[in-house]
Amino acid sequence: MAGTMRVPRSRGAFCGTLLVLLGLWGGLLPFVGPYLDFGFEPDRPWVYSVERLQLSVAPGAATALGGLVVLVSANRVLAMAGAWLAALGGAWFAVGPQVARLWDVDGVGRPLGTEEGRVLGEQLAAFTALGVVVVFLAALALGRFAVVGVKEARAADAHDVHGAHDVHGDPADRGREADPDAGTTQPIAPAAGRYGREAPPSPWGPVPDDRRVAGEREERPR
């Protein structure tokens, strides 16, 4: 049913909004963290590096873009594609720092904290826990868009039936199109037979067994 491809925009509002915010958080944390004394070295804001591009900016952009598609899309397939994009971004947040070591990328920098708990919090907030939460929200959005609600199914059925009537037409309507005079009121033609009111007079005079028509004046011989 083609009608089931449309979904209410409100269906992805919650997950889409959170995905956009988490994508911005993950992509900008290494750059703005020094303002909050929470992040990674160097302790100066807006320091760019290729490592930060690969491990923070790229997955953050994928998560935010996917969340935006989930948030605004009214098409089921497009919204699910956005959720998959966000899920890939979240997965890269979670495993990217370990996988990137295969091509000699050590990370975005050492954590600014010195206590063990703070170091763990910075790692979780920027990568591992952030990625897990993003994947969870993306999976939740996928589940919501994969389910066809009862109201949507009924609306799609009604749309399909209406479209079938438009294409094939109603048999009575086709009959009217074939006969343009069908269904219209036609005037009754006056009778033109022997006893009709408009019949011409007989040249041999009145017939003996003729009867006078109601409403007609009888002509008497003078």
N, C-alpha and C. Protein backbone atom coordinates (compact mmCIF):
# COMPACT_ATOMS: atom_id res chain seq x y z
N MET A 1 0.85 -1.19 0.00
CA MET A 1 0.00 0.00 0.00
C MET A 1 0.88 1.23 0.00
N ALA A 2 0.76 2.00 -1.04
CA ALA A 2 1.60 3.19 -1.16
C ALA A 2 1.26 4.23 -0.11
N GLY A 3 0.00 4.22 0.36
CA GLY A 3 -0.40 5.21 1.34
C GLY A 3 0.27 5.06 2.68
N THR A 4 0.78 3.85 2.98
CA THR A 4 1.43 3.64 4.27
C THR A 4 2.83 4.22 4.31
N MET A 5 3.34 4.74 3.22
CA MET A 5 4.66 5.35 3.23
C MET A 5 4.67 6.70 3.94
N ARG A 6 3.51 7.31 4.09
CA ARG A 6 3.42 8.60 4.78
C ARG A 6 3.16 8.36 6.25
N VAL A 7 3.89 9.10 7.09
CA VAL A 7 3.75 8.99 8.54
C VAL A 7 3.62 10.39 9.12
N PRO A 8 3.03 10.52 10.29
CA PRO A 8 2.97 11.84 10.93
C PRO A 8 4.37 12.33 11.29
N ARG A 9 4.60 13.61 11.10
CA ARG A 9 5.90 14.17 11.45
C ARG A 9 6.20 14.07 12.93
N SER A 10 5.17 14.03 13.75
CA SER A 10 5.39 13.96 15.19
C SER A 10 5.95 12.62 15.64
N ARG A 11 5.91 11.60 14.78
CA ARG A 11 6.38 10.28 15.20
C ARG A 11 7.88 10.28 15.48
N GLY A 12 8.65 11.04 14.74
CA GLY A 12 10.09 11.07 14.97
C GLY A 12 10.57 12.30 15.71
N ALA A 13 9.64 13.05 16.32
CA ALA A 13 10.04 14.31 16.96
C ALA A 13 10.95 14.07 18.15
N PHE A 14 10.59 13.13 19.02
CA PHE A 14 11.38 12.90 20.24
C PHE A 14 12.77 12.37 19.92
N CYS A 15 12.83 11.26 19.17
CA CYS A 15 14.13 10.68 18.84
C CYS A 15 14.96 11.61 17.96
N GLY A 16 14.31 12.27 17.00
CA GLY A 16 15.05 13.16 16.12
C GLY A 16 15.69 14.33 16.86
N THR A 17 14.95 14.91 17.79
CA THR A 17 15.49 16.05 18.54
C THR A 17 16.69 15.62 19.38
N LEU A 18 16.58 14.49 20.07
CA LEU A 18 17.69 14.01 20.90
C LEU A 18 18.90 13.65 20.05
N LEU A 19 18.68 13.06 18.90
CA LEU A 19 19.80 12.71 18.03
C LEU A 19 20.53 13.95 17.52
N VAL A 20 19.79 14.98 17.18
CA VAL A 20 20.45 16.22 16.74
C VAL A 20 21.29 16.81 17.87
N LEU A 21 20.73 16.85 19.08
CA LEU A 21 21.47 17.42 20.21
C LEU A 21 22.71 16.59 20.55
N LEU A 22 22.57 15.27 20.53
CA LEU A 22 23.72 14.42 20.84
C LEU A 22 24.78 14.50 19.76
N GLY A 23 24.37 14.64 18.50
CA GLY A 23 25.36 14.80 17.44
C GLY A 23 26.15 16.10 17.59
N LEU A 24 25.45 17.17 17.94
CA LEU A 24 26.16 18.44 18.18
C LEU A 24 27.09 18.33 19.38
N TRP A 25 26.63 17.65 20.41
CA TRP A 25 27.47 17.48 21.60
C TRP A 25 28.75 16.72 21.27
N GLY A 26 28.60 15.59 20.59
CA GLY A 26 29.78 14.78 20.28
C GLY A 26 30.72 15.46 19.30
N GLY A 27 30.18 16.21 18.34
CA GLY A 27 31.05 16.86 17.38
C GLY A 27 31.77 18.09 17.90
N LEU A 28 31.15 18.77 18.87
CA LEU A 28 31.74 20.03 19.36
C LEU A 28 32.46 19.91 20.69
N LEU A 29 32.28 18.80 21.39
CA LEU A 29 32.90 18.69 22.73
C LEU A 29 34.41 18.87 22.72
N PRO A 30 35.17 18.27 21.79
CA PRO A 30 36.62 18.50 21.82
C PRO A 30 37.02 19.95 21.57
N PHE A 31 36.14 20.73 20.93
CA PHE A 31 36.48 22.12 20.60
C PHE A 31 36.04 23.11 21.67
N VAL A 32 34.91 22.83 22.34
CA VAL A 32 34.39 23.77 23.34
C VAL A 32 34.58 23.25 24.76
N GLY A 33 35.09 22.04 24.91
CA GLY A 33 35.27 21.48 26.24
C GLY A 33 36.17 22.32 27.16
N PRO A 34 37.25 22.88 26.63
CA PRO A 34 38.09 23.70 27.52
C PRO A 34 37.36 24.87 28.17
N TYR A 35 36.30 25.37 27.55
CA TYR A 35 35.52 26.42 28.21
C TYR A 35 34.93 25.92 29.53
N LEU A 36 34.58 24.65 29.57
CA LEU A 36 33.95 24.06 30.75
C LEU A 36 34.93 23.27 31.59
N ASP A 37 36.19 23.29 31.20
CA ASP A 37 37.22 22.48 31.87
C ASP A 37 36.83 21.00 31.85
N PHE A 38 36.30 20.59 30.72
CA PHE A 38 35.84 19.21 30.56
C PHE A 38 36.07 18.84 29.11
N GLY A 39 37.05 18.00 28.86
CA GLY A 39 37.33 17.65 27.47
C GLY A 39 38.70 17.02 27.34
N PHE A 40 39.43 17.47 26.32
CA PHE A 40 40.68 16.82 25.98
C PHE A 40 41.74 17.88 25.66
N GLU A 41 42.98 17.49 25.86
CA GLU A 41 44.08 18.40 25.55
C GLU A 41 44.18 18.61 24.05
N PRO A 42 44.70 19.77 23.66
CA PRO A 42 45.18 20.88 24.50
C PRO A 42 44.03 21.63 25.16
N ASP A 43 44.38 22.35 26.22
CA ASP A 43 43.36 23.04 27.01
C ASP A 43 42.96 24.38 26.40
N ARG A 44 43.01 24.48 25.10
CA ARG A 44 42.58 25.68 24.38
C ARG A 44 41.39 25.30 23.50
N PRO A 45 40.38 26.14 23.41
CA PRO A 45 39.21 25.81 22.59
C PRO A 45 39.50 25.97 21.11
N TRP A 46 38.71 25.29 20.31
CA TRP A 46 38.71 25.38 18.87
C TRP A 46 40.06 25.02 18.25
N VAL A 47 40.68 24.00 18.76
CA VAL A 47 41.93 23.49 18.17
C VAL A 47 41.55 22.34 17.23
N TYR A 48 41.87 22.52 15.96
CA TYR A 48 41.49 21.53 14.96
C TYR A 48 42.62 20.55 14.71
N SER A 49 42.24 19.28 14.43
CA SER A 49 43.20 18.26 14.03
C SER A 49 42.47 17.22 13.21
N VAL A 50 43.22 16.47 12.42
CA VAL A 50 42.63 15.41 11.60
C VAL A 50 42.00 14.35 12.49
N GLU A 51 42.61 14.06 13.61
CA GLU A 51 42.05 13.07 14.54
C GLU A 51 40.67 13.49 15.05
N ARG A 52 40.53 14.75 15.38
CA ARG A 52 39.22 15.23 15.84
C ARG A 52 38.19 15.20 14.71
N LEU A 53 38.65 15.45 13.49
CA LEU A 53 37.73 15.37 12.36
C LEU A 53 37.22 13.94 12.19
N GLN A 54 38.10 12.98 12.28
CA GLN A 54 37.71 11.59 12.05
C GLN A 54 36.90 11.00 13.21
N LEU A 55 37.24 11.34 14.42
CA LEU A 55 36.65 10.66 15.57
C LEU A 55 35.49 11.43 16.21
N SER A 56 35.39 12.73 15.96
CA SER A 56 34.35 13.52 16.61
C SER A 56 33.45 14.23 15.60
N VAL A 57 34.07 14.98 14.68
CA VAL A 57 33.27 15.79 13.76
C VAL A 57 32.47 14.91 12.81
N ALA A 58 33.11 13.90 12.21
CA ALA A 58 32.41 13.06 11.23
C ALA A 58 31.23 12.30 11.84
N PRO A 59 31.44 11.57 12.94
CA PRO A 59 30.26 10.89 13.52
C PRO A 59 29.23 11.85 14.09
N GLY A 60 29.68 13.00 14.60
CA GLY A 60 28.72 13.98 15.10
C GLY A 60 27.86 14.54 13.98
N ALA A 61 28.48 14.81 12.81
CA ALA A 61 27.70 15.31 11.68
C ALA A 61 26.73 14.25 11.18
N ALA A 62 27.16 12.98 11.13
CA ALA A 62 26.26 11.91 10.69
C ALA A 62 25.08 11.75 11.64
N THR A 63 25.35 11.84 12.94
CA THR A 63 24.28 11.70 13.92
C THR A 63 23.30 12.86 13.84
N ALA A 64 23.82 14.08 13.76
CA ALA A 64 22.95 15.25 13.71
C ALA A 64 22.13 15.27 12.42
N LEU A 65 22.75 14.94 11.29
CA LEU A 65 22.04 14.94 10.02
C LEU A 65 20.95 13.86 10.01
N GLY A 66 21.31 12.66 10.49
CA GLY A 66 20.30 11.61 10.56
C GLY A 66 19.16 11.96 11.48
N GLY A 67 19.48 12.58 12.62
CA GLY A 67 18.42 13.01 13.53
C GLY A 67 17.53 14.08 12.93
N LEU A 68 18.11 14.97 12.14
CA LEU A 68 17.31 16.01 11.48
C LEU A 68 16.34 15.40 10.46
N VAL A 69 16.81 14.39 9.73
CA VAL A 69 15.92 13.72 8.78
C VAL A 69 14.79 13.02 9.52
N VAL A 70 15.12 12.35 10.61
CA VAL A 70 14.08 11.69 11.42
C VAL A 70 13.08 12.72 11.96
N LEU A 71 13.57 13.88 12.31
CA LEU A 71 12.72 14.90 12.92
C LEU A 71 11.73 15.51 11.94
N VAL A 72 12.15 15.77 10.71
CA VAL A 72 11.31 16.54 9.79
C VAL A 72 10.65 15.70 8.71
N SER A 73 11.08 14.46 8.52
CA SER A 73 10.58 13.68 7.40
C SER A 73 9.18 13.14 7.68
N ALA A 74 8.33 13.16 6.65
CA ALA A 74 7.00 12.55 6.72
C ALA A 74 6.92 11.31 5.84
N ASN A 75 8.05 10.86 5.30
CA ASN A 75 8.11 9.65 4.49
C ASN A 75 8.79 8.55 5.29
N ARG A 76 8.17 7.39 5.33
CA ARG A 76 8.66 6.30 6.17
C ARG A 76 10.06 5.84 5.76
N VAL A 77 10.29 5.67 4.46
CA VAL A 77 11.58 5.17 3.98
C VAL A 77 12.69 6.19 4.25
N LEU A 78 12.42 7.45 3.98
CA LEU A 78 13.42 8.49 4.20
C LEU A 78 13.76 8.62 5.68
N ALA A 79 12.76 8.55 6.54
CA ALA A 79 13.00 8.65 7.97
C ALA A 79 13.83 7.47 8.47
N MET A 80 13.56 6.27 7.96
CA MET A 80 14.35 5.10 8.37
C MET A 80 15.78 5.20 7.87
N ALA A 81 15.98 5.79 6.69
CA ALA A 81 17.34 6.00 6.21
C ALA A 81 18.09 6.98 7.11
N GLY A 82 17.41 8.03 7.57
CA GLY A 82 18.03 8.95 8.52
C GLY A 82 18.38 8.27 9.83
N ALA A 83 17.52 7.38 10.31
CA ALA A 83 17.81 6.65 11.54
C ALA A 83 19.03 5.75 11.38
N TRP A 84 19.14 5.11 10.22
CA TRP A 84 20.32 4.27 9.97
C TRP A 84 21.60 5.11 9.92
N LEU A 85 21.52 6.29 9.33
CA LEU A 85 22.70 7.17 9.30
C LEU A 85 23.11 7.56 10.71
N ALA A 86 22.14 7.91 11.54
CA ALA A 86 22.46 8.25 12.93
C ALA A 86 23.03 7.05 13.67
N ALA A 87 22.51 5.86 13.41
CA ALA A 87 23.03 4.66 14.08
C ALA A 87 24.49 4.41 13.69
N LEU A 88 24.83 4.63 12.43
CA LEU A 88 26.24 4.47 12.02
C LEU A 88 27.14 5.49 12.71
N GLY A 89 26.63 6.73 12.84
CA GLY A 89 27.42 7.73 13.56
C GLY A 89 27.61 7.35 15.02
N GLY A 90 26.57 6.84 15.67
CA GLY A 90 26.71 6.41 17.06
C GLY A 90 27.65 5.24 17.22
N ALA A 91 27.59 4.29 16.28
CA ALA A 91 28.51 3.15 16.35
C ALA A 91 29.96 3.59 16.21
N TRP A 92 30.19 4.61 15.36
CA TRP A 92 31.56 5.10 15.20
C TRP A 92 32.02 5.85 16.45
N PHE A 93 31.10 6.55 17.10
CA PHE A 93 31.48 7.15 18.39
C PHE A 93 31.97 6.08 19.36
N ALA A 94 31.29 4.94 19.39
CA ALA A 94 31.60 3.91 20.38
C ALA A 94 32.88 3.16 20.07
N VAL A 95 33.12 2.81 18.82
CA VAL A 95 34.26 1.95 18.49
C VAL A 95 35.34 2.69 17.70
N GLY A 96 35.07 3.92 17.27
CA GLY A 96 36.03 4.64 16.44
C GLY A 96 37.42 4.81 17.06
N PRO A 97 37.53 5.24 18.32
CA PRO A 97 38.88 5.42 18.88
C PRO A 97 39.72 4.15 18.87
N GLN A 98 39.11 2.98 19.02
CA GLN A 98 39.88 1.73 18.97
C GLN A 98 40.18 1.31 17.54
N VAL A 99 39.20 1.44 16.63
CA VAL A 99 39.40 1.01 15.26
C VAL A 99 40.39 1.94 14.54
N ALA A 100 40.37 3.25 14.86
CA ALA A 100 41.24 4.20 14.17
C ALA A 100 42.71 3.97 14.46
N ARG A 101 43.04 3.19 15.46
CA ARG A 101 44.44 2.88 15.74
C ARG A 101 45.07 2.03 14.63
N LEU A 102 44.21 1.41 13.80
CA LEU A 102 44.74 0.61 12.70
C LEU A 102 45.46 1.48 11.69
N TRP A 103 45.09 2.76 11.58
CA TRP A 103 45.81 3.68 10.68
C TRP A 103 46.48 4.81 11.48
N ASP A 104 46.99 4.42 12.66
CA ASP A 104 47.86 5.28 13.47
C ASP A 104 47.18 6.56 13.94
N VAL A 105 45.91 6.47 14.31
CA VAL A 105 45.21 7.59 14.93
C VAL A 105 45.04 7.24 16.41
N ASP A 106 45.78 7.93 17.26
CA ASP A 106 45.79 7.59 18.68
C ASP A 106 44.59 8.14 19.45
N GLY A 107 43.93 9.18 18.95
CA GLY A 107 42.80 9.75 19.65
C GLY A 107 42.80 11.27 19.49
N VAL A 108 41.80 11.89 20.13
CA VAL A 108 41.67 13.34 20.01
C VAL A 108 42.54 14.07 21.03
N GLY A 109 43.16 13.39 21.94
CA GLY A 109 43.99 14.02 22.96
C GLY A 109 43.73 13.40 24.32
N ARG A 110 44.63 13.69 25.24
CA ARG A 110 44.47 13.18 26.59
C ARG A 110 43.36 13.94 27.31
N PRO A 111 42.60 13.27 28.17
CA PRO A 111 41.56 13.98 28.94
C PRO A 111 42.16 15.07 29.81
N LEU A 112 41.40 16.12 30.00
CA LEU A 112 41.86 17.24 30.83
C LEU A 112 41.85 16.89 32.31
N GLY A 113 41.01 15.97 32.71
CA GLY A 113 40.92 15.60 34.12
C GLY A 113 42.11 14.77 34.56
N THR A 114 42.36 14.83 35.86
CA THR A 114 43.46 14.04 36.43
C THR A 114 42.94 12.92 37.32
N GLU A 115 41.74 13.09 37.87
CA GLU A 115 41.17 12.03 38.70
C GLU A 115 40.66 10.90 37.81
N GLU A 116 40.71 9.69 38.36
CA GLU A 116 40.30 8.54 37.57
C GLU A 116 38.83 8.62 37.16
N GLY A 117 37.97 9.07 38.08
CA GLY A 117 36.55 9.18 37.77
C GLY A 117 36.28 10.21 36.70
N ARG A 118 36.98 11.32 36.76
CA ARG A 118 36.75 12.37 35.77
C ARG A 118 37.24 11.93 34.40
N VAL A 119 38.37 11.25 34.35
CA VAL A 119 38.89 10.76 33.07
C VAL A 119 37.89 9.79 32.44
N LEU A 120 37.35 8.90 33.27
CA LEU A 120 36.36 7.96 32.77
C LEU A 120 35.11 8.68 32.27
N GLY A 121 34.68 9.69 32.99
CA GLY A 121 33.50 10.45 32.57
C GLY A 121 33.71 11.16 31.25
N GLU A 122 34.90 11.73 31.04
CA GLU A 122 35.18 12.41 29.77
C GLU A 122 35.22 11.42 28.61
N GLN A 123 35.78 10.25 28.83
CA GLN A 123 35.80 9.25 27.77
C GLN A 123 34.40 8.74 27.43
N LEU A 124 33.61 8.50 28.47
CA LEU A 124 32.25 8.01 28.22
C LEU A 124 31.38 9.07 27.57
N ALA A 125 31.49 10.31 28.05
CA ALA A 125 30.63 11.37 27.53
C ALA A 125 30.97 11.73 26.10
N ALA A 126 32.21 11.57 25.69
CA ALA A 126 32.62 11.97 24.35
C ALA A 126 32.55 10.84 23.34
N PHE A 127 32.63 9.58 23.81
CA PHE A 127 32.72 8.49 22.85
C PHE A 127 31.83 7.30 23.21
N THR A 128 32.23 6.48 24.16
CA THR A 128 31.59 5.17 24.35
C THR A 128 30.12 5.29 24.74
N ALA A 129 29.84 5.94 25.85
CA ALA A 129 28.44 6.06 26.30
C ALA A 129 27.61 6.88 25.32
N LEU A 130 28.22 7.91 24.76
CA LEU A 130 27.52 8.71 23.77
C LEU A 130 27.10 7.86 22.58
N GLY A 131 28.01 7.02 22.09
CA GLY A 131 27.68 6.16 20.96
C GLY A 131 26.59 5.17 21.27
N VAL A 132 26.61 4.60 22.49
CA VAL A 132 25.58 3.62 22.88
C VAL A 132 24.20 4.29 22.92
N VAL A 133 24.12 5.49 23.48
CA VAL A 133 22.84 6.19 23.56
C VAL A 133 22.33 6.56 22.16
N VAL A 134 23.23 6.99 21.28
CA VAL A 134 22.83 7.35 19.93
C VAL A 134 22.29 6.12 19.19
N VAL A 135 22.98 4.99 19.30
CA VAL A 135 22.50 3.77 18.64
C VAL A 135 21.15 3.35 19.21
N PHE A 136 20.95 3.48 20.51
CA PHE A 136 19.66 3.13 21.11
C PHE A 136 18.53 4.00 20.57
N LEU A 137 18.76 5.30 20.51
CA LEU A 137 17.72 6.20 20.00
C LEU A 137 17.45 5.95 18.51
N ALA A 138 18.50 5.68 17.75
CA ALA A 138 18.30 5.39 16.33
C ALA A 138 17.50 4.10 16.15
N ALA A 139 17.81 3.09 16.96
CA ALA A 139 17.03 1.84 16.89
C ALA A 139 15.59 2.06 17.31
N LEU A 140 15.37 2.91 18.31
CA LEU A 140 14.00 3.23 18.72
C LEU A 140 13.24 3.91 17.59
N ALA A 141 13.90 4.83 16.90
CA ALA A 141 13.25 5.50 15.78
C ALA A 141 12.96 4.51 14.65
N LEU A 142 13.87 3.59 14.39
CA LEU A 142 13.62 2.58 13.36
C LEU A 142 12.40 1.73 13.71
N GLY A 143 12.29 1.36 14.97
CA GLY A 143 11.14 0.57 15.38
C GLY A 143 9.84 1.33 15.24
N ARG A 144 9.84 2.59 15.59
CA ARG A 144 8.62 3.39 15.48
C ARG A 144 8.19 3.57 14.03
N PHE A 145 9.15 3.77 13.14
CA PHE A 145 8.80 3.97 11.74
C PHE A 145 8.50 2.66 11.01
N ALA A 146 8.95 1.54 11.56
CA ALA A 146 8.69 0.25 10.91
C ALA A 146 7.27 -0.24 11.17
N VAL A 147 6.64 0.25 12.22
CA VAL A 147 5.29 -0.20 12.58
C VAL A 147 4.27 0.67 11.85
N VAL A 148 3.28 0.01 11.25
CA VAL A 148 2.18 0.71 10.59
C VAL A 148 0.99 0.72 11.53
N GLY A 149 0.58 1.90 11.95
CA GLY A 149 -0.53 2.03 12.88
C GLY A 149 -1.86 1.67 12.24
N VAL A 150 -2.86 1.42 13.10
CA VAL A 150 -4.19 1.05 12.61
C VAL A 150 -4.80 2.20 11.81
N LYS A 151 -4.69 3.41 12.32
CA LYS A 151 -5.25 4.56 11.62
C LYS A 151 -4.58 4.75 10.26
N GLU A 152 -3.25 4.54 10.20
CA GLU A 152 -2.55 4.70 8.93
C GLU A 152 -2.99 3.64 7.93
N ALA A 153 -3.19 2.40 8.40
CA ALA A 153 -3.63 1.34 7.50
C ALA A 153 -5.03 1.62 6.96
N ARG A 154 -5.93 2.10 7.83
CA ARG A 154 -7.27 2.42 7.37
C ARG A 154 -7.26 3.58 6.38
N ALA A 155 -6.45 4.59 6.67
CA ALA A 155 -6.36 5.72 5.74
C ALA A 155 -5.78 5.29 4.40
N ALA A 156 -4.80 4.38 4.44
CA ALA A 156 -4.21 3.89 3.18
C ALA A 156 -5.23 3.08 2.39
N ASP A 157 -6.02 2.24 3.09
CA ASP A 157 -7.05 1.46 2.39
C ASP A 157 -8.09 2.38 1.74
N ALA A 158 -8.51 3.40 2.50
CA ALA A 158 -9.48 4.34 1.94
C ALA A 158 -8.90 5.07 0.74
N HIS A 159 -7.62 5.41 0.81
CA HIS A 159 -6.97 6.09 -0.32
C HIS A 159 -6.90 5.19 -1.54
N ASP A 160 -6.58 3.89 -1.32
CA ASP A 160 -6.49 2.96 -2.44
C ASP A 160 -7.86 2.74 -3.08
N VAL A 161 -8.90 2.61 -2.25
CA VAL A 161 -10.24 2.43 -2.80
C VAL A 161 -10.67 3.64 -3.60
N HIS A 162 -10.39 4.84 -3.06
CA HIS A 162 -10.74 6.07 -3.77
C HIS A 162 -9.99 6.17 -5.09
N GLY A 163 -8.71 5.79 -5.07
CA GLY A 163 -7.94 5.83 -6.31
C GLY A 163 -8.44 4.83 -7.32
N ALA A 164 -8.90 3.64 -6.86
CA ALA A 164 -9.44 2.66 -7.79
C ALA A 164 -10.72 3.16 -8.44
N HIS A 165 -11.57 3.85 -7.68
CA HIS A 165 -12.79 4.42 -8.25
C HIS A 165 -12.45 5.49 -9.29
N ASP A 166 -11.40 6.27 -9.00
CA ASP A 166 -11.01 7.31 -9.94
C ASP A 166 -10.50 6.72 -11.25
N VAL A 167 -9.76 5.60 -11.15
CA VAL A 167 -9.17 5.01 -12.35
C VAL A 167 -10.20 4.25 -13.17
N HIS A 168 -10.95 3.37 -12.49
CA HIS A 168 -11.88 2.51 -13.21
C HIS A 168 -13.25 3.15 -13.39
N GLY A 169 -13.63 3.98 -12.45
CA GLY A 169 -14.93 4.63 -12.54
C GLY A 169 -16.05 3.74 -12.09
N ASP A 170 -17.15 4.32 -11.76
CA ASP A 170 -18.33 3.58 -11.37
C ASP A 170 -19.10 3.16 -12.62
N PRO A 171 -19.65 1.91 -12.66
CA PRO A 171 -20.37 1.49 -13.87
C PRO A 171 -21.51 2.41 -14.24
N ALA A 172 -22.23 2.92 -13.24
CA ALA A 172 -23.33 3.85 -13.54
C ALA A 172 -22.80 5.13 -14.17
N ASP A 173 -21.63 5.60 -13.69
CA ASP A 173 -21.05 6.82 -14.27
C ASP A 173 -20.61 6.58 -15.70
N ARG A 174 -20.04 5.36 -15.96
CA ARG A 174 -19.63 5.08 -17.33
C ARG A 174 -20.83 5.03 -18.27
N GLY A 175 -21.99 4.49 -17.75
CA GLY A 175 -23.19 4.46 -18.57
C GLY A 175 -23.68 5.85 -18.89
N ARG A 176 -23.57 6.75 -17.92
CA ARG A 176 -24.00 8.13 -18.18
C ARG A 176 -23.10 8.81 -19.20
N GLU A 177 -21.78 8.48 -19.15
CA GLU A 177 -20.88 9.08 -20.13
C GLU A 177 -21.17 8.55 -21.52
N ALA A 178 -21.56 7.24 -21.62
CA ALA A 178 -21.85 6.69 -22.94
C ALA A 178 -23.14 7.25 -23.50
N ASP A 179 -24.14 7.49 -22.65
CA ASP A 179 -25.42 8.02 -23.09
C ASP A 179 -25.64 9.36 -22.41
N PRO A 180 -25.33 10.47 -23.04
CA PRO A 180 -25.44 11.76 -22.37
C PRO A 180 -26.85 12.12 -21.99
N ASP A 181 -27.86 11.50 -22.69
CA ASP A 181 -29.25 11.83 -22.37
C ASP A 181 -29.81 11.00 -21.24
N ALA A 182 -29.00 9.98 -20.77
CA ALA A 182 -29.52 9.12 -19.71
C ALA A 182 -29.60 9.92 -18.42
N GLY A 183 -30.65 9.71 -17.69
CA GLY A 183 -30.83 10.37 -16.41
C GLY A 183 -31.40 11.76 -16.52
N THR A 184 -31.72 12.24 -17.75
CA THR A 184 -32.29 13.58 -17.90
C THR A 184 -33.77 13.45 -18.25
N THR A 185 -34.54 14.43 -17.90
CA THR A 185 -35.99 14.43 -18.14
C THR A 185 -36.27 14.94 -19.54
N GLN A 186 -37.00 14.16 -20.32
CA GLN A 186 -37.34 14.53 -21.68
C GLN A 186 -38.81 14.90 -21.75
N PRO A 187 -39.19 15.91 -22.55
CA PRO A 187 -40.61 16.26 -22.68
C PRO A 187 -41.38 15.16 -23.39
N ILE A 188 -42.62 14.98 -22.97
CA ILE A 188 -43.46 13.95 -23.57
C ILE A 188 -44.01 14.47 -24.89
N ALA A 189 -43.73 13.72 -25.94
CA ALA A 189 -44.20 14.14 -27.27
C ALA A 189 -45.72 13.96 -27.36
N PRO A 190 -46.41 14.88 -27.99
CA PRO A 190 -47.86 14.72 -28.12
C PRO A 190 -48.21 13.54 -28.99
N ALA A 191 -49.29 12.90 -28.62
CA ALA A 191 -49.73 11.73 -29.38
C ALA A 191 -50.14 12.15 -30.78
N ALA A 192 -49.75 11.35 -31.75
CA ALA A 192 -50.05 11.66 -33.15
C ALA A 192 -50.86 10.56 -33.82
N GLY A 193 -51.45 9.67 -33.02
CA GLY A 193 -52.21 8.57 -33.58
C GLY A 193 -53.64 8.97 -33.91
N ARG A 194 -54.47 7.96 -34.01
CA ARG A 194 -55.86 8.18 -34.40
C ARG A 194 -56.60 9.00 -33.37
N TYR A 195 -56.32 8.71 -32.10
CA TYR A 195 -57.04 9.39 -31.02
C TYR A 195 -56.21 10.51 -30.40
N GLY A 196 -55.17 10.88 -31.00
CA GLY A 196 -54.37 11.96 -30.44
C GLY A 196 -55.06 13.30 -30.57
N ARG A 197 -54.72 14.19 -29.61
CA ARG A 197 -55.36 15.49 -29.62
C ARG A 197 -54.92 16.32 -30.81
N GLU A 198 -53.70 16.09 -31.26
CA GLU A 198 -53.18 16.86 -32.38
C GLU A 198 -53.36 16.17 -33.72
N ALA A 199 -54.13 15.06 -33.73
CA ALA A 199 -54.30 14.34 -34.99
C ALA A 199 -55.10 15.19 -35.98
N PRO A 200 -54.77 15.17 -37.27
CA PRO A 200 -55.50 15.97 -38.28
C PRO A 200 -56.91 15.40 -38.48
N PRO A 201 -57.84 16.25 -38.82
CA PRO A 201 -59.20 15.77 -39.03
C PRO A 201 -59.30 14.84 -40.24
N SER A 202 -60.19 13.91 -40.14
CA SER A 202 -60.36 12.94 -41.23
C SER A 202 -61.11 13.59 -42.40
N PRO A 203 -60.69 13.37 -43.63
CA PRO A 203 -61.39 13.96 -44.78
C PRO A 203 -62.77 13.36 -45.01
N TRP A 204 -63.06 12.22 -44.42
CA TRP A 204 -64.36 11.56 -44.59
C TRP A 204 -65.32 11.89 -43.46
N GLY A 205 -64.94 12.85 -42.61
CA GLY A 205 -65.82 13.19 -41.52
C GLY A 205 -65.56 12.35 -40.29
N PRO A 206 -66.30 12.62 -39.24
CA PRO A 206 -66.07 11.88 -38.01
C PRO A 206 -66.45 10.43 -38.14
N VAL A 207 -65.67 9.61 -37.51
CA VAL A 207 -65.94 8.18 -37.50
C VAL A 207 -67.02 7.91 -36.49
N PRO A 208 -68.00 7.03 -36.82
CA PRO A 208 -69.14 6.83 -35.89
C PRO A 208 -68.73 6.39 -34.50
N ASP A 209 -67.73 5.51 -34.39
CA ASP A 209 -67.40 5.01 -33.06
C ASP A 209 -66.33 5.84 -32.36
N ASP A 210 -66.01 7.03 -32.92
CA ASP A 210 -65.05 7.90 -32.24
C ASP A 210 -65.68 8.50 -31.01
N ARG A 211 -64.87 8.70 -30.01
CA ARG A 211 -65.32 9.34 -28.79
C ARG A 211 -64.58 10.65 -28.61
N ARG A 212 -65.27 11.59 -28.02
CA ARG A 212 -64.70 12.92 -27.83
C ARG A 212 -63.62 12.85 -26.75
N VAL A 213 -62.52 13.48 -27.00
CA VAL A 213 -61.43 13.54 -26.03
C VAL A 213 -61.79 14.51 -24.93
N ALA A 214 -61.47 14.16 -23.68
CA ALA A 214 -61.81 15.02 -22.56
C ALA A 214 -61.16 16.38 -22.75
N GLY A 215 -61.93 17.44 -22.53
CA GLY A 215 -61.43 18.79 -22.65
C GLY A 215 -61.60 19.37 -24.04
N GLU A 216 -62.05 18.60 -25.02
CA GLU A 216 -62.20 19.09 -26.38
C GLU A 216 -63.68 19.47 -26.61
N ARG A 217 -63.91 20.62 -27.15
CA ARG A 217 -65.28 21.08 -27.40
C ARG A 217 -65.88 20.35 -28.60
N GLU A 218 -67.12 20.00 -28.42
CA GLU A 218 -67.77 19.28 -29.49
C GLU A 218 -68.31 20.29 -30.52
N GLU A 219 -68.01 20.04 -31.78
CA GLU A 219 -68.48 20.92 -32.86
C GLU A 219 -69.81 20.41 -33.38
N ARG A 220 -70.81 21.26 -33.27
CA ARG A 220 -72.15 20.91 -33.74
C ARG A 220 -72.36 21.50 -35.14
N PRO A 221 -73.07 20.75 -35.95
CA PRO A 221 -73.35 21.32 -37.31
C PRO A 221 -74.29 22.49 -37.25
N ARG A 222 -74.05 23.46 -38.05
CA ARG A 222 -74.85 24.66 -38.08
C ARG A 222 -76.07 24.47 -39.01
